[in-house]
Amino acid sequence: MSETILRDQRKFRRFELKLPLEVVRTGSSRLSHPGETRNVSSGGVLFIVRSQLEIGQPIEYFITLLNAFGADVRLHCRGKVVRLEQPVAVPVNGESPIAVAATLERYEFVRQTVRIPALSTA
């Protein structure tokens, strides 16, 4: 009797995180499509978005890292679309949400500016 052992052969450990995401560019097209991550790793991300994307297409997106102190940090990412999964819900305005797997080839942290009200000296 042989025993089959299944091993996860992924290069990078994935973290199940649901964070706000915005696709801002695909190829040479500027977009603004909000979405949400499903899992994130140091090599890529799986997210849900209502947009028409193609495998192999360059992509630029922001992931918002929420901060309890009011100064969210956005992760500005560049990569390419490596997998598309079937629609996960009913279409809205002709677009179905799709699950998109994209690489994370380059990134930079972008701080949101937070204005602190001046103290009154009266």
PDB file of N, CA and C in Angstrom:
ATOM      1  N   MET A   1       0.838  -1.171   0.000  1.00  0.00           N
ATOM      2  CA  MET A   1       0.000   0.000   0.000  1.00  0.00           C
ATOM      3  C   MET A   1       0.892   1.247   0.000  1.00  0.00           C
ATOM      4  N   SER A   2       0.787   2.052  -1.032  1.00  0.00           N
ATOM      5  CA  SER A   2       1.607   3.262  -1.081  1.00  0.00           C
ATOM      6  C   SER A   2       0.807   4.449  -0.566  1.00  0.00           C
ATOM      7  N   GLU A   3       1.513   5.324   0.047  1.00  0.00           N
ATOM      8  CA  GLU A   3       0.886   6.509   0.618  1.00  0.00           C
ATOM      9  C   GLU A   3       1.273   7.714  -0.223  1.00  0.00           C
ATOM     10  N   THR A   4       0.272   8.464  -0.670  1.00  0.00           N
ATOM     11  CA  THR A   4       0.528   9.649  -1.476  1.00  0.00           C
ATOM     12  C   THR A   4       0.643  10.859  -0.565  1.00  0.00           C
ATOM     13  N   ILE A   5       1.742  11.577  -0.711  1.00  0.00           N
ATOM     14  CA  ILE A   5       1.958  12.776   0.085  1.00  0.00           C
ATOM     15  C   ILE A   5       1.899  13.976  -0.844  1.00  0.00           C
ATOM     16  N   LEU A   6       0.996  14.885  -0.554  1.00  0.00           N
ATOM     17  CA  LEU A   6       0.868  16.100  -1.340  1.00  0.00           C
ATOM     18  C   LEU A   6       1.676  17.205  -0.673  1.00  0.00           C
ATOM     19  N   ARG A   7       2.512  17.844  -1.448  1.00  0.00           N
ATOM     20  CA  ARG A   7       3.325  18.930  -0.926  1.00  0.00           C
ATOM     21  C   ARG A   7       2.999  20.205  -1.683  1.00  0.00           C
ATOM     22  N   ASP A   8       2.962  21.291  -0.948  1.00  0.00           N
ATOM     23  CA  ASP A   8       2.771  22.591  -1.574  1.00  0.00           C
ATOM     24  C   ASP A   8       4.083  22.961  -2.236  1.00  0.00           C
ATOM     25  N   GLN A   9       4.071  23.124  -3.553  1.00  0.00           N
ATOM     26  CA  GLN A   9       5.295  23.400  -4.279  1.00  0.00           C
ATOM     27  C   GLN A   9       5.418  24.874  -4.668  1.00  0.00           C
ATOM     28  N   ARG A  10       4.703  25.709  -3.981  1.00  0.00           N
ATOM     29  CA  ARG A  10       4.786  27.141  -4.259  1.00  0.00           C
ATOM     30  C   ARG A  10       6.118  27.679  -3.768  1.00  0.00           C
ATOM     31  N   LYS A  11       6.636  28.675  -4.499  1.00  0.00           N
ATOM     32  CA  LYS A  11       7.905  29.287  -4.128  1.00  0.00           C
ATOM     33  C   LYS A  11       7.791  30.156  -2.885  1.00  0.00           C
ATOM     34  N   PHE A  12       6.649  30.835  -2.735  1.00  0.00           N
ATOM     35  CA  PHE A  12       6.492  31.817  -1.677  1.00  0.00           C
ATOM     36  C   PHE A  12       5.311  31.464  -0.778  1.00  0.00           C
ATOM     37  N   ARG A  13       5.467  31.701   0.514  1.00  0.00           N
ATOM     38  CA  ARG A  13       4.388  31.456   1.463  1.00  0.00           C
ATOM     39  C   ARG A  13       3.283  32.483   1.249  1.00  0.00           C
ATOM     40  N   ARG A  14       2.042  32.017   1.197  1.00  0.00           N
ATOM     41  CA  ARG A  14       0.899  32.901   0.989  1.00  0.00           C
ATOM     42  C   ARG A  14       0.225  33.221   2.316  1.00  0.00           C
ATOM     43  N   PHE A  15      -0.270  34.455   2.399  1.00  0.00           N
ATOM     44  CA  PHE A  15      -0.992  34.903   3.583  1.00  0.00           C
ATOM     45  C   PHE A  15      -2.395  35.286   3.157  1.00  0.00           C
ATOM     46  N   GLU A  16      -3.380  34.691   3.811  1.00  0.00           N
ATOM     47  CA  GLU A  16      -4.781  34.972   3.495  1.00  0.00           C
ATOM     48  C   GLU A  16      -5.127  36.347   4.061  1.00  0.00           C
ATOM     49  N   LEU A  17      -5.149  37.347   3.199  1.00  0.00           N
ATOM     50  CA  LEU A  17      -5.434  38.723   3.609  1.00  0.00           C
ATOM     51  C   LEU A  17      -6.464  39.333   2.671  1.00  0.00           C
ATOM     52  N   LYS A  18      -7.471  39.960   3.244  1.00  0.00           N
ATOM     53  CA  LYS A  18      -8.464  40.687   2.457  1.00  0.00           C
ATOM     54  C   LYS A  18      -8.202  42.168   2.663  1.00  0.00           C
ATOM     55  N   LEU A  19      -7.538  42.761   1.674  1.00  0.00           N
ATOM     56  CA  LEU A  19      -7.164  44.168   1.741  1.00  0.00           C
ATOM     57  C   LEU A  19      -7.699  44.900   0.513  1.00  0.00           C
ATOM     58  N   PRO A  20      -7.988  46.189   0.658  1.00  0.00           N
ATOM     59  CA  PRO A  20      -8.423  46.967  -0.510  1.00  0.00           C
ATOM     60  C   PRO A  20      -7.313  47.017  -1.564  1.00  0.00           C
ATOM     61  N   LEU A  21      -7.721  46.904  -2.812  1.00  0.00           N
ATOM     62  CA  LEU A  21      -6.782  46.910  -3.931  1.00  0.00           C
ATOM     63  C   LEU A  21      -7.394  47.754  -5.047  1.00  0.00           C
ATOM     64  N   GLU A  22      -6.547  48.424  -5.810  1.00  0.00           N
ATOM     65  CA  GLU A  22      -7.018  49.190  -6.957  1.00  0.00           C
ATOM     66  C   GLU A  22      -6.088  48.930  -8.129  1.00  0.00           C
ATOM     67  N   VAL A  23      -6.642  48.441  -9.237  1.00  0.00           N
ATOM     68  CA  VAL A  23      -5.874  48.268 -10.473  1.00  0.00           C
ATOM     69  C   VAL A  23      -5.858  49.633 -11.146  1.00  0.00           C
ATOM     70  N   VAL A  24      -4.655  50.168 -11.415  1.00  0.00           N
ATOM     71  CA  VAL A  24      -4.563  51.507 -11.985  1.00  0.00           C
ATOM     72  C   VAL A  24      -4.055  51.521 -13.419  1.00  0.00           C
ATOM     73  N   ARG A  25      -3.439  50.431 -13.851  1.00  0.00           N
ATOM     74  CA  ARG A  25      -2.938  50.400 -15.231  1.00  0.00           C
ATOM     75  C   ARG A  25      -2.783  48.944 -15.678  1.00  0.00           C
ATOM     76  N   THR A  26      -3.170  48.694 -16.933  1.00  0.00           N
ATOM     77  CA  THR A  26      -2.895  47.415 -17.568  1.00  0.00           C
ATOM     78  C   THR A  26      -2.320  47.725 -18.939  1.00  0.00           C
ATOM     79  N   GLY A  27      -1.119  47.256 -19.188  1.00  0.00           N
ATOM     80  CA  GLY A  27      -0.469  47.593 -20.450  1.00  0.00           C
ATOM     81  C   GLY A  27      -0.323  49.096 -20.544  1.00  0.00           C
ATOM     82  N   SER A  28      -0.853  49.697 -21.599  1.00  0.00           N
ATOM     83  CA  SER A  28      -0.766  51.148 -21.755  1.00  0.00           C
ATOM     84  C   SER A  28      -2.068  51.847 -21.364  1.00  0.00           C
ATOM     85  N   SER A  29      -3.041  51.087 -20.863  1.00  0.00           N
ATOM     86  CA  SER A  29      -4.342  51.661 -20.499  1.00  0.00           C
ATOM     87  C   SER A  29      -4.388  52.060 -19.028  1.00  0.00           C
ATOM     88  N   ARG A  30      -4.817  53.284 -18.774  1.00  0.00           N
ATOM     89  CA  ARG A  30      -5.029  53.732 -17.394  1.00  0.00           C
ATOM     90  C   ARG A  30      -6.428  53.311 -16.963  1.00  0.00           C
ATOM     91  N   LEU A  31      -6.520  52.805 -15.738  1.00  0.00           N
ATOM     92  CA  LEU A  31      -7.788  52.326 -15.196  1.00  0.00           C
ATOM     93  C   LEU A  31      -7.950  52.834 -13.773  1.00  0.00           C
ATOM     94  N   SER A  32      -9.070  52.573 -13.218  1.00  0.00           N
ATOM     95  CA  SER A  32      -9.283  52.748 -11.787  1.00  0.00           C
ATOM     96  C   SER A  32     -10.370  51.760 -11.402  1.00  0.00           C
ATOM     97  N   HIS A  33      -9.949  50.531 -11.148  1.00  0.00           N
ATOM     98  CA  HIS A  33     -10.890  49.467 -10.796  1.00  0.00           C
ATOM     99  C   HIS A  33     -10.595  48.991  -9.389  1.00  0.00           C
ATOM    100  N   PRO A  34     -11.528  49.221  -8.446  1.00  0.00           N
ATOM    101  CA  PRO A  34     -11.320  48.734  -7.082  1.00  0.00           C
ATOM    102  C   PRO A  34     -11.523  47.228  -7.007  1.00  0.00           C
ATOM    103  N   GLY A  35     -10.837  46.611  -6.062  1.00  0.00           N
ATOM    104  CA  GLY A  35     -10.966  45.180  -5.836  1.00  0.00           C
ATOM    105  C   GLY A  35     -10.547  44.854  -4.421  1.00  0.00           C
ATOM    106  N   GLU A  36     -10.306  43.569  -4.184  1.00  0.00           N
ATOM    107  CA  GLU A  36      -9.903  43.124  -2.851  1.00  0.00           C
ATOM    108  C   GLU A  36      -8.985  41.919  -2.989  1.00  0.00           C
ATOM    109  N   THR A  37      -7.922  41.907  -2.205  1.00  0.00           N
ATOM    110  CA  THR A  37      -7.010  40.767  -2.236  1.00  0.00           C
ATOM    111  C   THR A  37      -7.651  39.561  -1.557  1.00  0.00           C
ATOM    112  N   ARG A  38      -7.220  38.381  -1.962  1.00  0.00           N
ATOM    113  CA  ARG A  38      -7.621  37.136  -1.302  1.00  0.00           C
ATOM    114  C   ARG A  38      -6.416  36.521  -0.588  1.00  0.00           C
ATOM    115  N   ASN A  39      -5.258  36.558  -1.264  1.00  0.00           N
ATOM    116  CA  ASN A  39      -4.028  36.151  -0.595  1.00  0.00           C
ATOM    117  C   ASN A  39      -2.860  36.907  -1.204  1.00  0.00           C
ATOM    118  N   VAL A  40      -1.822  37.063  -0.402  1.00  0.00           N
ATOM    119  CA  VAL A  40      -0.660  37.857  -0.787  1.00  0.00           C
ATOM    120  C   VAL A  40       0.591  37.087  -0.418  1.00  0.00           C
ATOM    121  N   SER A  41       1.599  37.133  -1.286  1.00  0.00           N
ATOM    122  CA  SER A  41       2.907  36.558  -0.970  1.00  0.00           C
ATOM    123  C   SER A  41       3.967  37.541  -1.429  1.00  0.00           C
ATOM    124  N   SER A  42       5.225  37.248  -1.154  1.00  0.00           N
ATOM    125  CA  SER A  42       6.288  38.150  -1.594  1.00  0.00           C
ATOM    126  C   SER A  42       6.492  38.070  -3.102  1.00  0.00           C
ATOM    127  N   GLY A  43       5.885  37.089  -3.761  1.00  0.00           N
ATOM    128  CA  GLY A  43       6.032  36.946  -5.208  1.00  0.00           C
ATOM    129  C   GLY A  43       4.800  37.274  -6.017  1.00  0.00           C
ATOM    130  N   GLY A  44       3.648  37.496  -5.338  1.00  0.00           N
ATOM    131  CA  GLY A  44       2.445  37.770  -6.100  1.00  0.00           C
ATOM    132  C   GLY A  44       1.224  37.948  -5.233  1.00  0.00           C
ATOM    133  N   VAL A  45       0.087  38.117  -5.901  1.00  0.00           N
ATOM    134  CA  VAL A  45      -1.167  38.379  -5.199  1.00  0.00           C
ATOM    135  C   VAL A  45      -2.318  37.745  -5.978  1.00  0.00           C
ATOM    136  N   LEU A  46      -3.329  37.302  -5.259  1.00  0.00           N
ATOM    137  CA  LEU A  46      -4.580  36.851  -5.863  1.00  0.00           C
ATOM    138  C   LEU A  46      -5.631  37.847  -5.405  1.00  0.00           C
ATOM    139  N   PHE A  47      -6.367  38.435  -6.365  1.00  0.00           N
ATOM    140  CA  PHE A  47      -7.366  39.425  -6.004  1.00  0.00           C
ATOM    141  C   PHE A  47      -8.605  39.271  -6.860  1.00  0.00           C
ATOM    142  N   ILE A  48      -9.693  39.879  -6.383  1.00  0.00           N
ATOM    143  CA  ILE A  48     -10.973  39.885  -7.085  1.00  0.00           C
ATOM    144  C   ILE A  48     -11.208  41.308  -7.583  1.00  0.00           C
ATOM    145  N   VAL A  49     -11.579  41.434  -8.861  1.00  0.00           N
ATOM    146  CA  VAL A  49     -11.810  42.752  -9.446  1.00  0.00           C
ATOM    147  C   VAL A  49     -12.805  42.622 -10.591  1.00  0.00           C
ATOM    148  N   ARG A  50     -13.507  43.700 -10.893  1.00  0.00           N
ATOM    149  CA  ARG A  50     -14.409  43.753 -12.053  1.00  0.00           C
ATOM    150  C   ARG A  50     -13.664  44.485 -13.164  1.00  0.00           C
ATOM    151  N   SER A  51     -12.979  43.742 -13.990  1.00  0.00           N
ATOM    152  CA  SER A  51     -12.202  44.344 -15.067  1.00  0.00           C
ATOM    153  C   SER A  51     -11.862  43.276 -16.089  1.00  0.00           C
ATOM    154  N   GLN A  52     -11.645  43.701 -17.317  1.00  0.00           N
ATOM    155  CA  GLN A  52     -11.232  42.788 -18.375  1.00  0.00           C
ATOM    156  C   GLN A  52      -9.708  42.767 -18.416  1.00  0.00           C
ATOM    157  N   LEU A  53      -9.119  41.663 -18.056  1.00  0.00           N
ATOM    158  CA  LEU A  53      -7.665  41.519 -18.055  1.00  0.00           C
ATOM    159  C   LEU A  53      -7.287  40.319 -18.903  1.00  0.00           C
ATOM    160  N   GLU A  54      -6.035  40.282 -19.340  1.00  0.00           N
ATOM    161  CA  GLU A  54      -5.543  39.171 -20.150  1.00  0.00           C
ATOM    162  C   GLU A  54      -4.273  38.597 -19.534  1.00  0.00           C
ATOM    163  N   ILE A  55      -4.109  37.292 -19.663  1.00  0.00           N
ATOM    164  CA  ILE A  55      -2.902  36.632 -19.180  1.00  0.00           C
ATOM    165  C   ILE A  55      -1.693  37.183 -19.934  1.00  0.00           C
ATOM    166  N   GLY A  56      -0.626  37.463 -19.190  1.00  0.00           N
ATOM    167  CA  GLY A  56       0.597  38.000 -19.764  1.00  0.00           C
ATOM    168  C   GLY A  56       0.646  39.510 -19.805  1.00  0.00           C
ATOM    169  N   GLN A  57      -0.479  40.149 -19.563  1.00  0.00           N
ATOM    170  CA  GLN A  57      -0.585  41.596 -19.618  1.00  0.00           C
ATOM    171  C   GLN A  57       0.139  42.246 -18.425  1.00  0.00           C
ATOM    172  N   PRO A  58       0.943  43.300 -18.666  1.00  0.00           N
ATOM    173  CA  PRO A  58       1.540  44.029 -17.537  1.00  0.00           C
ATOM    174  C   PRO A  58       0.436  44.693 -16.727  1.00  0.00           C
ATOM    175  N   ILE A  59       0.652  44.795 -15.427  1.00  0.00           N
ATOM    176  CA  ILE A  59      -0.372  45.356 -14.550  1.00  0.00           C
ATOM    177  C   ILE A  59       0.293  46.198 -13.464  1.00  0.00           C
ATOM    178  N   GLU A  60      -0.402  47.248 -13.070  1.00  0.00           N
ATOM    179  CA  GLU A  60       0.052  48.126 -11.990  1.00  0.00           C
ATOM    180  C   GLU A  60      -1.114  48.253 -11.022  1.00  0.00           C
ATOM    181  N   TYR A  61      -0.858  48.081  -9.740  1.00  0.00           N
ATOM    182  CA  TYR A  61      -1.937  48.096  -8.761  1.00  0.00           C
ATOM    183  C   TYR A  61      -1.435  48.610  -7.411  1.00  0.00           C
ATOM    184  N   PHE A  62      -2.378  49.070  -6.600  1.00  0.00           N
ATOM    185  CA  PHE A  62      -2.104  49.521  -5.244  1.00  0.00           C
ATOM    186  C   PHE A  62      -2.815  48.595  -4.273  1.00  0.00           C
ATOM    187  N   ILE A  63      -2.117  48.182  -3.227  1.00  0.00           N
ATOM    188  CA  ILE A  63      -2.722  47.449  -2.110  1.00  0.00           C
ATOM    189  C   ILE A  63      -2.655  48.389  -0.913  1.00  0.00           C
ATOM    190  N   THR A  64      -3.788  48.615  -0.257  1.00  0.00           N
ATOM    191  CA  THR A  64      -3.819  49.503   0.903  1.00  0.00           C
ATOM    192  C   THR A  64      -3.641  48.681   2.168  1.00  0.00           C
ATOM    193  N   LEU A  65      -2.591  49.003   2.905  1.00  0.00           N
ATOM    194  CA  LEU A  65      -2.321  48.372   4.197  1.00  0.00           C
ATOM    195  C   LEU A  65      -2.960  49.258   5.256  1.00  0.00           C
ATOM    196  N   LEU A  66      -3.992  48.753   5.884  1.00  0.00           N
ATOM    197  CA  LEU A  66      -4.770  49.556   6.818  1.00  0.00           C
ATOM    198  C   LEU A  66      -4.025  49.752   8.131  1.00  0.00           C
ATOM    199  N   ASN A  67      -4.107  50.977   8.649  1.00  0.00           N
ATOM    200  CA  ASN A  67      -3.412  51.334   9.873  1.00  0.00           C
ATOM    201  C   ASN A  67      -4.442  51.860  10.866  1.00  0.00           C
ATOM    202  N   ALA A  68      -4.450  51.310  12.052  1.00  0.00           N
ATOM    203  CA  ALA A  68      -5.421  51.703  13.069  1.00  0.00           C
ATOM    204  C   ALA A  68      -5.232  53.142  13.533  1.00  0.00           C
ATOM    205  N   PHE A  69      -4.087  53.745  13.235  1.00  0.00           N
ATOM    206  CA  PHE A  69      -3.804  55.102  13.698  1.00  0.00           C
ATOM    207  C   PHE A  69      -4.138  56.158  12.655  1.00  0.00           C
ATOM    208  N   GLY A  70      -4.766  55.773  11.547  1.00  0.00           N
ATOM    209  CA  GLY A  70      -5.260  56.735  10.583  1.00  0.00           C
ATOM    210  C   GLY A  70      -4.350  57.057   9.415  1.00  0.00           C
ATOM    211  N   ALA A  71      -3.140  56.531   9.384  1.00  0.00           N
ATOM    212  CA  ALA A  71      -2.217  56.823   8.283  1.00  0.00           C
ATOM    213  C   ALA A  71      -1.998  55.552   7.472  1.00  0.00           C
ATOM    214  N   ASP A  72      -2.963  55.242   6.586  1.00  0.00           N
ATOM    215  CA  ASP A  72      -2.831  54.047   5.763  1.00  0.00           C
ATOM    216  C   ASP A  72      -1.598  54.150   4.872  1.00  0.00           C
ATOM    217  N   VAL A  73      -1.014  53.005   4.565  1.00  0.00           N
ATOM    218  CA  VAL A  73       0.129  52.942   3.658  1.00  0.00           C
ATOM    219  C   VAL A  73      -0.321  52.166   2.434  1.00  0.00           C
ATOM    220  N   ARG A  74       0.004  52.692   1.254  1.00  0.00           N
ATOM    221  CA  ARG A  74      -0.344  51.999   0.017  1.00  0.00           C
ATOM    222  C   ARG A  74       0.918  51.379  -0.552  1.00  0.00           C
ATOM    223  N   LEU A  75       0.792  50.144  -0.996  1.00  0.00           N
ATOM    224  CA  LEU A  75       1.884  49.431  -1.639  1.00  0.00           C
ATOM    225  C   LEU A  75       1.657  49.537  -3.142  1.00  0.00           C
ATOM    226  N   HIS A  76       2.497  50.291  -3.831  1.00  0.00           N
ATOM    227  CA  HIS A  76       2.388  50.492  -5.278  1.00  0.00           C
ATOM    228  C   HIS A  76       3.144  49.349  -5.950  1.00  0.00           C
ATOM    229  N   CYS A  77       2.439  48.493  -6.679  1.00  0.00           N
ATOM    230  CA  CYS A  77       3.018  47.260  -7.216  1.00  0.00           C
ATOM    231  C   CYS A  77       2.970  47.230  -8.743  1.00  0.00           C
ATOM    232  N   ARG A  78       3.951  46.543  -9.316  1.00  0.00           N
ATOM    233  CA  ARG A  78       3.976  46.281 -10.753  1.00  0.00           C
ATOM    234  C   ARG A  78       4.277  44.805 -10.953  1.00  0.00           C
ATOM    235  N   GLY A  79       3.615  44.230 -11.953  1.00  0.00           N
ATOM    236  CA  GLY A  79       3.835  42.824 -12.260  1.00  0.00           C
ATOM    237  C   GLY A  79       3.141  42.485 -13.570  1.00  0.00           C
ATOM    238  N   LYS A  80       2.731  41.215 -13.667  1.00  0.00           N
ATOM    239  CA  LYS A  80       1.963  40.813 -14.840  1.00  0.00           C
ATOM    240  C   LYS A  80       0.927  39.786 -14.433  1.00  0.00           C
ATOM    241  N   VAL A  81      -0.137  39.714 -15.217  1.00  0.00           N
ATOM    242  CA  VAL A  81      -1.227  38.779 -14.957  1.00  0.00           C
ATOM    243  C   VAL A  81      -0.757  37.388 -15.364  1.00  0.00           C
ATOM    244  N   VAL A  82      -0.857  36.422 -14.436  1.00  0.00           N
ATOM    245  CA  VAL A  82      -0.412  35.056 -14.734  1.00  0.00           C
ATOM    246  C   VAL A  82      -1.551  34.044 -14.774  1.00  0.00           C
ATOM    247  N   ARG A  83      -2.697  34.399 -14.189  1.00  0.00           N
ATOM    248  CA  ARG A  83      -3.834  33.463 -14.206  1.00  0.00           C
ATOM    249  C   ARG A  83      -5.129  34.227 -13.996  1.00  0.00           C
ATOM    250  N   LEU A  84      -6.183  33.782 -14.678  1.00  0.00           N
ATOM    251  CA  LEU A  84      -7.526  34.317 -14.496  1.00  0.00           C
ATOM    252  C   LEU A  84      -8.443  33.156 -14.155  1.00  0.00           C
ATOM    253  N   GLU A  85      -9.343  33.359 -13.198  1.00  0.00           N
ATOM    254  CA  GLU A  85     -10.294  32.318 -12.826  1.00  0.00           C
ATOM    255  C   GLU A  85     -11.695  32.757 -13.185  1.00  0.00           C
ATOM    256  N   GLN A  86     -12.567  31.807 -13.362  1.00  0.00           N
ATOM    257  CA  GLN A  86     -13.954  32.051 -13.770  1.00  0.00           C
ATOM    258  C   GLN A  86     -14.629  33.063 -12.851  1.00  0.00           C
ATOM    259  N   PRO A  87     -15.667  33.727 -13.371  1.00  0.00           N
ATOM    260  CA  PRO A  87     -16.408  34.693 -12.555  1.00  0.00           C
ATOM    261  C   PRO A  87     -16.877  34.067 -11.246  1.00  0.00           C
ATOM    262  N   VAL A  88     -16.832  34.883 -10.198  1.00  0.00           N
ATOM    263  CA  VAL A  88     -17.205  34.402  -8.872  1.00  0.00           C
ATOM    264  C   VAL A  88     -18.579  34.900  -8.429  1.00  0.00           C
ATOM    265  N   ALA A  89     -19.242  35.716  -9.256  1.00  0.00           N
ATOM    266  CA  ALA A  89     -20.565  36.232  -8.884  1.00  0.00           C
ATOM    267  C   ALA A  89     -21.316  36.668 -10.138  1.00  0.00           C
ATOM    268  N   VAL A  90     -22.499  37.157  -9.928  1.00  0.00           N
ATOM    269  CA  VAL A  90     -23.364  37.623 -11.011  1.00  0.00           C
ATOM    270  C   VAL A  90     -22.806  38.933 -11.578  1.00  0.00           C
ATOM    271  N   PRO A  91     -22.842  39.100 -12.909  1.00  0.00           N
ATOM    272  CA  PRO A  91     -22.349  40.343 -13.518  1.00  0.00           C
ATOM    273  C   PRO A  91     -23.098  41.582 -13.044  1.00  0.00           C
ATOM    274  N   VAL A  92     -22.370  42.689 -12.927  1.00  0.00           N
ATOM    275  CA  VAL A  92     -22.948  43.988 -12.607  1.00  0.00           C
ATOM    276  C   VAL A  92     -22.506  44.932 -13.715  1.00  0.00           C
ATOM    277  N   ASN A  93     -23.455  45.591 -14.355  1.00  0.00           N
ATOM    278  CA  ASN A  93     -23.157  46.488 -15.484  1.00  0.00           C
ATOM    279  C   ASN A  93     -22.351  45.780 -16.572  1.00  0.00           C
ATOM    280  N   GLY A  94     -22.648  44.515 -16.809  1.00  0.00           N
ATOM    281  CA  GLY A  94     -21.990  43.774 -17.873  1.00  0.00           C
ATOM    282  C   GLY A  94     -20.626  43.195 -17.522  1.00  0.00           C
ATOM    283  N   GLU A  95     -20.113  43.468 -16.331  1.00  0.00           N
ATOM    284  CA  GLU A  95     -18.805  42.936 -15.938  1.00  0.00           C
ATOM    285  C   GLU A  95     -18.957  41.982 -14.765  1.00  0.00           C
ATOM    286  N   SER A  96     -18.346  40.810 -14.887  1.00  0.00           N
ATOM    287  CA  SER A  96     -18.337  39.849 -13.801  1.00  0.00           C
ATOM    288  C   SER A  96     -17.041  39.998 -13.024  1.00  0.00           C
ATOM    289  N   PRO A  97     -17.098  39.855 -11.712  1.00  0.00           N
ATOM    290  CA  PRO A  97     -15.847  39.881 -10.960  1.00  0.00           C
ATOM    291  C   PRO A  97     -15.039  38.630 -11.303  1.00  0.00           C
ATOM    292  N   ILE A  98     -13.741  38.791 -11.448  1.00  0.00           N
ATOM    293  CA  ILE A  98     -12.875  37.658 -11.741  1.00  0.00           C
ATOM    294  C   ILE A  98     -11.760  37.602 -10.711  1.00  0.00           C
ATOM    295  N   ALA A  99     -11.247  36.400 -10.499  1.00  0.00           N
ATOM    296  CA  ALA A  99     -10.077  36.225  -9.639  1.00  0.00           C
ATOM    297  C   ALA A  99      -8.854  36.325 -10.534  1.00  0.00           C
ATOM    298  N   VAL A 100      -7.927  37.181 -10.140  1.00  0.00           N
ATOM    299  CA  VAL A 100      -6.731  37.445 -10.935  1.00  0.00           C
ATOM    300  C   VAL A 100      -5.501  37.124 -10.095  1.00  0.00           C
ATOM    301  N   ALA A 101      -4.612  36.311 -10.648  1.00  0.00           N
ATOM    302  CA  ALA A 101      -3.315  36.072 -10.016  1.00  0.00           C
ATOM    303  C   ALA A 101      -2.301  36.905 -10.784  1.00  0.00           C
ATOM    304  N   ALA A 102      -1.563  37.737 -10.058  1.00  0.00           N
ATOM    305  CA  ALA A 102      -0.564  38.600 -10.687  1.00  0.00           C
ATOM    306  C   ALA A 102       0.744  38.506  -9.923  1.00  0.00           C
ATOM    307  N   THR A 103       1.830  38.653 -10.651  1.00  0.00           N
ATOM    308  CA  THR A 103       3.142  38.657 -10.004  1.00  0.00           C
ATOM    309  C   THR A 103       3.351  39.987  -9.289  1.00  0.00           C
ATOM    310  N   LEU A 104       4.306  39.991  -8.387  1.00  0.00           N
ATOM    311  CA  LEU A 104       4.710  41.189  -7.667  1.00  0.00           C
ATOM    312  C   LEU A 104       6.196  41.361  -7.953  1.00  0.00           C
ATOM    313  N   GLU A 105       6.493  42.045  -9.067  1.00  0.00           N
ATOM    314  CA  GLU A 105       7.872  42.154  -9.536  1.00  0.00           C
ATOM    315  C   GLU A 105       8.599  43.364  -8.962  1.00  0.00           C
ATOM    316  N   ARG A 106       7.872  44.475  -8.799  1.00  0.00           N
ATOM    317  CA  ARG A 106       8.447  45.686  -8.209  1.00  0.00           C
ATOM    318  C   ARG A 106       7.405  46.323  -7.316  1.00  0.00           C
ATOM    319  N   TYR A 107       7.858  46.952  -6.252  1.00  0.00           N
ATOM    320  CA  TYR A 107       6.916  47.638  -5.371  1.00  0.00           C
ATOM    321  C   TYR A 107       7.603  48.779  -4.638  1.00  0.00           C
ATOM    322  N   GLU A 108       6.783  49.701  -4.169  1.00  0.00           N
ATOM    323  CA  GLU A 108       7.270  50.773  -3.310  1.00  0.00           C
ATOM    324  C   GLU A 108       6.152  51.158  -2.358  1.00  0.00           C
ATOM    325  N   PHE A 109       6.529  51.591  -1.169  1.00  0.00           N
ATOM    326  CA  PHE A 109       5.554  52.039  -0.189  1.00  0.00           C
ATOM    327  C   PHE A 109       5.246  53.512  -0.429  1.00  0.00           C
ATOM    328  N   VAL A 110       3.961  53.856  -0.393  1.00  0.00           N
ATOM    329  CA  VAL A 110       3.522  55.231  -0.590  1.00  0.00           C
ATOM    330  C   VAL A 110       2.682  55.600   0.620  1.00  0.00           C
ATOM    331  N   ARG A 111       3.167  56.537   1.390  1.00  0.00           N
ATOM    332  CA  ARG A 111       2.424  56.964   2.581  1.00  0.00           C
ATOM    333  C   ARG A 111       1.329  57.952   2.197  1.00  0.00           C
ATOM    334  N   GLN A 112       0.177  57.781   2.813  1.00  0.00           N
ATOM    335  CA  GLN A 112      -0.902  58.734   2.646  1.00  0.00           C
ATOM    336  C   GLN A 112      -0.604  59.900   3.579  1.00  0.00           C
ATOM    337  N   THR A 113      -0.789  61.112   3.111  1.00  0.00           N
ATOM    338  CA  THR A 113      -0.546  62.257   3.978  1.00  0.00           C
ATOM    339  C   THR A 113      -1.711  62.410   4.944  1.00  0.00           C
ATOM    340  N   VAL A 114      -1.366  62.607   6.202  1.00  0.00           N
ATOM    341  CA  VAL A 114      -2.369  62.778   7.252  1.00  0.00           C
ATOM    342  C   VAL A 114      -2.171  64.154   7.837  1.00  0.00           C
ATOM    343  N   ARG A 115      -3.227  64.920   7.878  1.00  0.00           N
ATOM    344  CA  ARG A 115      -3.144  66.263   8.458  1.00  0.00           C
ATOM    345  C   ARG A 115      -3.604  66.218   9.899  1.00  0.00           C
ATOM    346  N   ILE A 116      -2.739  66.695  10.749  1.00  0.00           N
ATOM    347  CA  ILE A 116      -3.063  66.763  12.190  1.00  0.00           C
ATOM    348  C   ILE A 116      -3.488  68.194  12.480  1.00  0.00           C
ATOM    349  N   PRO A 117      -4.661  68.375  13.052  1.00  0.00           N
ATOM    350  CA  PRO A 117      -5.128  69.738  13.321  1.00  0.00           C
ATOM    351  C   PRO A 117      -4.182  70.454  14.291  1.00  0.00           C
ATOM    352  N   ALA A 118      -3.974  71.741  14.038  1.00  0.00           N
ATOM    353  CA  ALA A 118      -3.117  72.547  14.916  1.00  0.00           C
ATOM    354  C   ALA A 118      -3.801  72.722  16.264  1.00  0.00           C
ATOM    355  N   LEU A 119      -2.992  72.773  17.312  1.00  0.00           N
ATOM    356  CA  LEU A 119      -3.531  72.989  18.653  1.00  0.00           C
ATOM    357  C   LEU A 119      -3.887  74.449  18.822  1.00  0.00           C
ATOM    358  N   SER A 120      -4.978  74.682  19.457  1.00  0.00           N
ATOM    359  CA  SER A 120      -5.421  76.041  19.697  1.00  0.00           C
ATOM    360  C   SER A 120      -4.612  76.632  20.860  1.00  0.00           C
ATOM    361  N   THR A 121      -4.149  77.861  20.705  1.00  0.00           N
ATOM    362  CA  THR A 121      -3.376  78.518  21.761  1.00  0.00           C
ATOM    363  C   THR A 121      -4.197  79.608  22.455  1.00  0.00           C
ATOM    364  N   ALA A 122      -5.493  79.586  22.261  1.00  0.00           N
ATOM    365  CA  ALA A 122      -6.343  80.615  22.838  1.00  0.00           C
ATOM    366  C   ALA A 122      -6.563  80.397  24.308  1.00  0.00           C
TER     367      ALA A 122
END
